[in-house]
Amino acid sequence: MLIDSHCHLDYLAENQDVEAVIARAHEAGVSGMVTISTRLSTFPGVRAIAEAHQDLWCSVGVHPHHADEEGVSDPAQLIELAAHPSVVGIGETGLDYFYDNAPRGDQQRSFRAHIAAARETKLPLIVHTRDADEDCVSILQEEYAKGAFPGLIHCFTASSALAEAVLEIGFSISVSGIVTFKRAEELRETLAKVPLERLLVETDSPYLAPVPHRGKTNEPAFVGHTAAALAELKGVPLGELERRTTENFFKLFSKAAPGGLA
């Protein structure tokens, strides 16, 4: 079985029947999904989708794009919301200097508050980073020195230096459909060096559909294409890659209960 460790089912629900999306995922062998929070104002809807399904979980957090409008400076609200049984992660949070949709200072403050929430709850920090490797590593290392916290870099596209830095503090790396893209050779070279026990797979749907669906709306059912590309890259049978990444998921997202999965 496969776990889509990062999708946005609330975004898909805007234009599709989310129950049909989930059913297609199950038919494709995807037994579990984490639907990701990007705003606290929309978190109730994200949580409601997760609550309605035994094999679905969610996170709570504010994407760096919204750090000026909804960014948090105090982890208390995140900690409180994370107590819900369906919430298994903190984020997504991080830094995005490519779009700079929010001032960098706001992004950094919100990022640190999310880290504090992850440290307190012991739930994994779900990190988005784009064109911000140096600041991302610096903040993670500074905060880790104050006390350990689990986490992962989602939709990894960053440098090998960032990969090495986050692996050193015990983080995992989540691989999206970008690994299937023709021009992603540098990414594949970096991922080839990442230990298999630190890898997860995701769709980040509705974005970044893998080949052969590139250009279409992405959905959790397509995560198998990412898994197949990663298995080829790592030189392991697909079944082993599926098993290992699922084991890695439940080790990191320890609050997620595998008992209800088929």
Protein backbone atom coordinates (compact mmCIF):
# COMPACT_ATOMS: atom_id res chain seq x y z
CA MET A 1 0.00 0.00 0.00
CA LEU A 2 0.99 3.64 -0.43
CA ILE A 3 0.48 6.74 1.69
CA ASP A 4 0.11 10.16 0.07
CA SER A 5 1.83 12.14 2.80
CA HIS A 6 0.87 15.58 1.46
CA CYS A 7 -2.22 16.54 -0.51
CA HIS A 8 -4.78 19.35 -0.45
CA LEU A 9 -8.17 17.69 -0.61
CA ASP A 10 -9.93 20.92 0.33
CA TYR A 11 -8.53 22.50 -2.84
CA LEU A 12 -9.67 19.53 -4.91
CA ALA A 13 -13.12 19.75 -3.29
CA GLU A 14 -13.60 23.19 -4.84
CA ASN A 15 -14.04 21.66 -8.31
CA GLN A 16 -14.44 17.91 -7.77
CA ASP A 17 -16.36 15.37 -5.74
CA VAL A 18 -13.82 14.72 -2.99
CA GLU A 19 -15.42 11.34 -2.21
CA ALA A 20 -14.75 10.28 -5.80
CA VAL A 21 -11.15 11.51 -5.49
CA ILE A 22 -10.66 9.42 -2.37
CA ALA A 23 -12.29 6.39 -4.00
CA ARG A 24 -9.96 6.63 -7.00
CA ALA A 25 -7.01 6.78 -4.65
CA HIS A 26 -8.13 3.61 -2.90
CA GLU A 27 -8.60 1.86 -6.24
CA ALA A 28 -5.03 2.85 -7.16
CA GLY A 29 -3.66 1.28 -3.97
CA VAL A 30 -3.36 4.46 -1.91
CA SER A 31 -4.50 3.44 1.55
CA GLY A 32 -3.95 6.67 3.45
CA MET A 33 -3.63 10.41 2.88
CA VAL A 34 -2.71 13.51 4.85
CA THR A 35 -4.66 16.59 3.76
CA ILE A 36 -2.66 19.69 4.56
CA SER A 37 -3.66 22.94 6.23
CA THR A 38 -2.47 26.22 4.69
CA ARG A 39 -4.58 28.70 6.69
CA LEU A 40 -6.12 28.61 10.15
CA SER A 41 -9.27 30.21 8.71
CA THR A 42 -9.82 27.19 6.44
CA PHE A 43 -8.55 24.57 8.87
CA PRO A 44 -12.07 23.52 10.03
CA GLY A 45 -12.84 22.38 6.48
CA VAL A 46 -9.56 20.50 6.20
CA ARG A 47 -10.22 18.79 9.53
CA ALA A 48 -13.79 17.89 8.52
CA ILE A 49 -12.52 15.96 5.48
CA ALA A 50 -10.10 14.03 7.67
CA GLU A 51 -12.70 13.35 10.36
CA ALA A 52 -15.01 11.73 7.82
CA HIS A 53 -12.54 8.98 6.87
CA GLN A 54 -10.66 6.44 8.95
CA ASP A 55 -7.73 6.39 6.55
CA LEU A 56 -7.34 10.14 6.30
CA TRP A 57 -5.48 12.58 8.56
CA CYS A 58 -4.69 16.28 8.47
CA SER A 59 -2.20 18.88 9.62
CA VAL A 60 -2.68 22.31 11.15
CA GLY A 61 -0.68 25.33 10.08
CA VAL A 62 -0.20 28.41 7.93
CA HIS A 63 1.63 28.37 4.61
CA PRO A 64 4.38 31.01 4.30
CA HIS A 65 2.39 32.67 1.51
CA HIS A 66 -0.18 33.68 4.14
CA ALA A 67 2.22 34.59 6.93
CA ASP A 68 1.31 38.28 6.77
CA GLU A 69 -2.46 37.71 6.99
CA GLU A 70 -2.64 34.62 9.20
CA GLY A 71 0.88 33.90 10.37
CA VAL A 72 1.28 32.91 14.01
CA SER A 73 3.74 34.36 16.49
CA ASP A 74 2.58 32.28 19.45
CA PRO A 75 2.38 28.47 19.16
CA ALA A 76 -0.48 28.18 21.67
CA GLN A 77 -3.30 28.04 19.10
CA LEU A 78 -1.48 25.49 16.97
CA ILE A 79 -0.84 23.35 20.04
CA GLU A 80 -4.50 23.51 21.03
CA LEU A 81 -5.78 22.62 17.55
CA ALA A 82 -3.21 19.83 17.22
CA ALA A 83 -4.83 17.97 20.12
CA HIS A 84 -7.61 16.82 17.78
CA PRO A 85 -7.31 13.08 16.97
CA SER A 86 -7.18 13.68 13.21
CA VAL A 87 -4.27 16.13 13.37
CA VAL A 88 -0.96 14.34 12.85
CA GLY A 89 1.39 17.15 11.78
CA ILE A 90 2.24 20.85 12.14
CA GLY A 91 2.25 22.92 8.93
CA GLU A 92 2.72 23.41 6.24
CA THR A 93 5.06 26.16 7.24
CA GLY A 94 8.45 27.40 6.15
CA LEU A 95 9.90 30.02 3.84
CA ASP A 96 9.13 30.97 0.24
CA TYR A 97 11.42 33.64 -1.17
CA PHE A 98 10.53 32.77 -4.79
CA TYR A 99 7.10 34.41 -4.68
CA ASP A 100 7.65 36.56 -1.55
CA ASN A 101 3.87 36.74 -1.08
CA ALA A 102 4.47 37.67 2.56
CA PRO A 103 7.29 39.73 4.11
CA ARG A 104 10.25 37.55 4.99
CA GLY A 105 10.20 38.65 8.61
CA ASP A 106 6.59 37.50 8.95
CA GLN A 107 7.46 34.19 7.32
CA GLN A 108 10.35 33.64 9.70
CA ARG A 109 8.33 34.49 12.83
CA SER A 110 5.53 32.17 11.83
CA PHE A 111 8.02 29.41 10.95
CA ARG A 112 9.58 29.62 14.41
CA ALA A 113 6.17 29.49 16.09
CA HIS A 114 5.32 26.35 14.14
CA ILE A 115 8.63 24.82 15.19
CA ALA A 116 7.79 25.57 18.82
CA ALA A 117 4.44 23.84 18.35
CA ALA A 118 6.12 20.80 16.81
CA ARG A 119 8.60 20.66 19.68
CA GLU A 120 5.79 20.83 22.25
CA THR A 121 3.40 18.37 20.57
CA LYS A 122 6.11 16.08 19.18
CA LEU A 123 4.20 16.07 15.89
CA PRO A 124 6.29 16.35 12.72
CA LEU A 125 6.93 19.78 11.26
CA ILE A 126 5.92 19.92 7.58
CA VAL A 127 8.29 22.35 5.88
CA HIS A 128 7.86 24.19 2.59
CA THR A 129 11.02 25.89 1.37
CA ARG A 130 11.69 27.57 -1.96
CA ASP A 131 14.65 29.77 -2.82
CA ALA A 132 15.31 30.08 0.92
CA ASP A 133 17.75 27.27 1.66
CA GLU A 134 20.22 29.30 3.72
CA ASP A 135 17.63 30.87 6.02
CA CYS A 136 15.65 27.64 6.29
CA VAL A 137 18.70 25.65 7.41
CA SER A 138 19.81 28.41 9.78
CA ILE A 139 16.42 28.60 11.50
CA LEU A 140 16.05 24.83 11.73
CA GLN A 141 19.51 24.44 13.23
CA GLU A 142 19.02 27.33 15.68
CA GLU A 143 15.68 25.98 16.82
CA TYR A 144 16.87 22.39 17.00
CA ALA A 145 19.63 23.50 19.37
CA LYS A 146 16.85 24.66 21.75
CA GLY A 147 15.24 21.21 21.75
CA ALA A 148 14.64 18.43 19.23
CA PHE A 149 11.55 18.16 17.03
CA PRO A 150 10.60 15.76 14.21
CA GLY A 151 9.95 16.94 10.69
CA LEU A 152 10.30 16.66 6.95
CA ILE A 153 10.91 18.80 3.91
CA HIS A 154 7.86 18.30 1.72
CA CYS A 155 7.98 18.34 -2.09
CA PHE A 156 11.76 18.38 -1.94
CA THR A 157 13.39 20.34 -4.77
CA ALA A 158 16.21 22.03 -2.87
CA SER A 159 19.98 21.64 -2.93
CA SER A 160 22.00 18.66 -1.82
CA ALA A 161 23.40 20.91 0.93
CA LEU A 162 19.92 21.43 2.37
CA ALA A 163 19.25 17.69 2.14
CA GLU A 164 22.42 16.93 4.07
CA ALA A 165 21.62 19.56 6.72
CA VAL A 166 18.09 18.35 7.40
CA LEU A 167 19.09 14.70 7.39
CA GLU A 168 21.70 15.56 10.01
CA ILE A 169 18.98 16.75 12.43
CA GLY A 170 16.88 13.65 11.78
CA PHE A 171 14.42 15.02 9.25
CA SER A 172 12.86 13.05 6.41
CA ILE A 173 12.39 14.09 2.79
CA SER A 174 9.13 13.77 0.87
CA VAL A 175 9.24 13.23 -2.89
CA SER A 176 6.64 14.63 -5.26
CA GLY A 177 5.84 14.08 -8.92
CA ILE A 178 8.66 16.43 -9.87
CA VAL A 179 10.98 13.40 -9.67
CA THR A 180 9.31 12.15 -12.89
CA PHE A 181 9.95 15.37 -14.82
CA LYS A 182 12.46 15.16 -17.65
CA ARG A 183 14.47 18.18 -16.49
CA ALA A 184 14.71 17.07 -12.84
CA GLU A 185 18.06 15.33 -13.25
CA GLU A 186 19.74 17.34 -10.49
CA LEU A 187 16.91 16.47 -8.10
CA ARG A 188 17.23 12.78 -8.96
CA GLU A 189 20.98 12.94 -8.30
CA THR A 190 20.32 14.37 -4.84
CA LEU A 191 17.57 11.89 -4.01
CA ALA A 192 19.76 8.98 -5.07
CA LYS A 193 21.98 9.79 -2.07
CA VAL A 194 19.17 10.04 0.49
CA PRO A 195 18.82 6.90 2.63
CA LEU A 196 15.67 4.96 1.79
CA GLU A 197 14.62 4.98 5.45
CA ARG A 198 14.25 8.79 5.26
CA LEU A 199 12.01 8.97 2.18
CA LEU A 200 8.25 9.49 1.86
CA VAL A 201 6.09 10.07 -1.22
CA GLU A 202 3.40 12.66 -1.87
CA THR A 203 1.37 14.32 -4.59
CA ASP A 204 0.98 17.91 -3.31
CA SER A 205 -2.24 17.63 -5.30
CA PRO A 206 -3.86 19.41 -7.03
CA TYR A 207 -0.40 20.60 -8.12
CA LEU A 208 2.58 18.94 -9.84
CA ALA A 209 0.95 15.94 -11.47
CA PRO A 210 3.60 13.33 -12.33
CA VAL A 211 4.32 11.97 -15.78
CA PRO A 212 2.18 10.62 -17.51
CA HIS A 213 -0.44 13.01 -16.09
CA ARG A 214 1.68 16.15 -16.20
CA GLY A 215 -0.41 19.21 -16.99
CA LYS A 216 -3.56 17.70 -15.50
CA THR A 217 -5.06 18.26 -12.07
CA ASN A 218 -3.08 16.09 -9.69
CA GLU A 219 -4.77 13.81 -7.17
CA PRO A 220 -3.71 11.17 -4.62
CA ALA A 221 -4.38 8.31 -7.06
CA PHE A 222 -1.31 9.45 -9.03
CA VAL A 223 1.22 8.98 -6.22
CA GLY A 224 2.04 5.52 -7.54
CA HIS A 225 3.84 7.09 -10.51
CA THR A 226 6.11 8.96 -8.13
CA ALA A 227 6.72 5.77 -6.17
CA ALA A 228 7.62 3.88 -9.36
CA ALA A 229 10.11 6.56 -10.42
CA LEU A 230 11.65 6.59 -6.96
CA ALA A 231 11.91 2.79 -6.88
CA GLU A 232 13.77 2.84 -10.20
CA LEU A 233 16.05 5.61 -8.93
CA LYS A 234 16.85 3.71 -5.73
CA GLY A 235 17.23 0.38 -7.53
CA VAL A 236 14.64 -1.48 -5.46
CA PRO A 237 11.45 -3.36 -6.44
CA LEU A 238 8.32 -1.21 -6.41
CA GLY A 239 6.74 -3.35 -3.71
CA GLU A 240 9.70 -2.76 -1.43
CA LEU A 241 9.62 0.98 -2.08
CA GLU A 242 5.91 1.06 -1.24
CA ARG A 243 6.47 -0.90 1.96
CA ARG A 244 9.45 1.13 3.09
CA THR A 245 7.91 4.55 2.45
CA THR A 246 4.74 3.47 4.24
CA GLU A 247 6.77 2.28 7.22
CA ASN A 248 8.67 5.56 7.14
CA PHE A 249 5.40 7.47 7.15
CA PHE A 250 4.04 5.77 10.25
CA LYS A 251 7.37 6.10 12.03
CA LEU A 252 7.40 9.86 11.43
CA PHE A 253 3.66 10.51 11.69
CA SER A 254 3.39 8.36 14.79
CA LYS A 255 -0.02 9.75 15.77
CA ALA A 256 -1.54 8.29 12.59
CA ALA A 257 -3.02 4.89 13.34
CA PRO A 258 -2.37 2.21 10.69
CA GLY A 259 -4.86 -0.25 12.17
CA GLY A 260 -7.81 0.84 10.04
CA LEU A 261 -5.98 0.54 6.73
CA ALA A 262 -6.59 -2.35 4.39
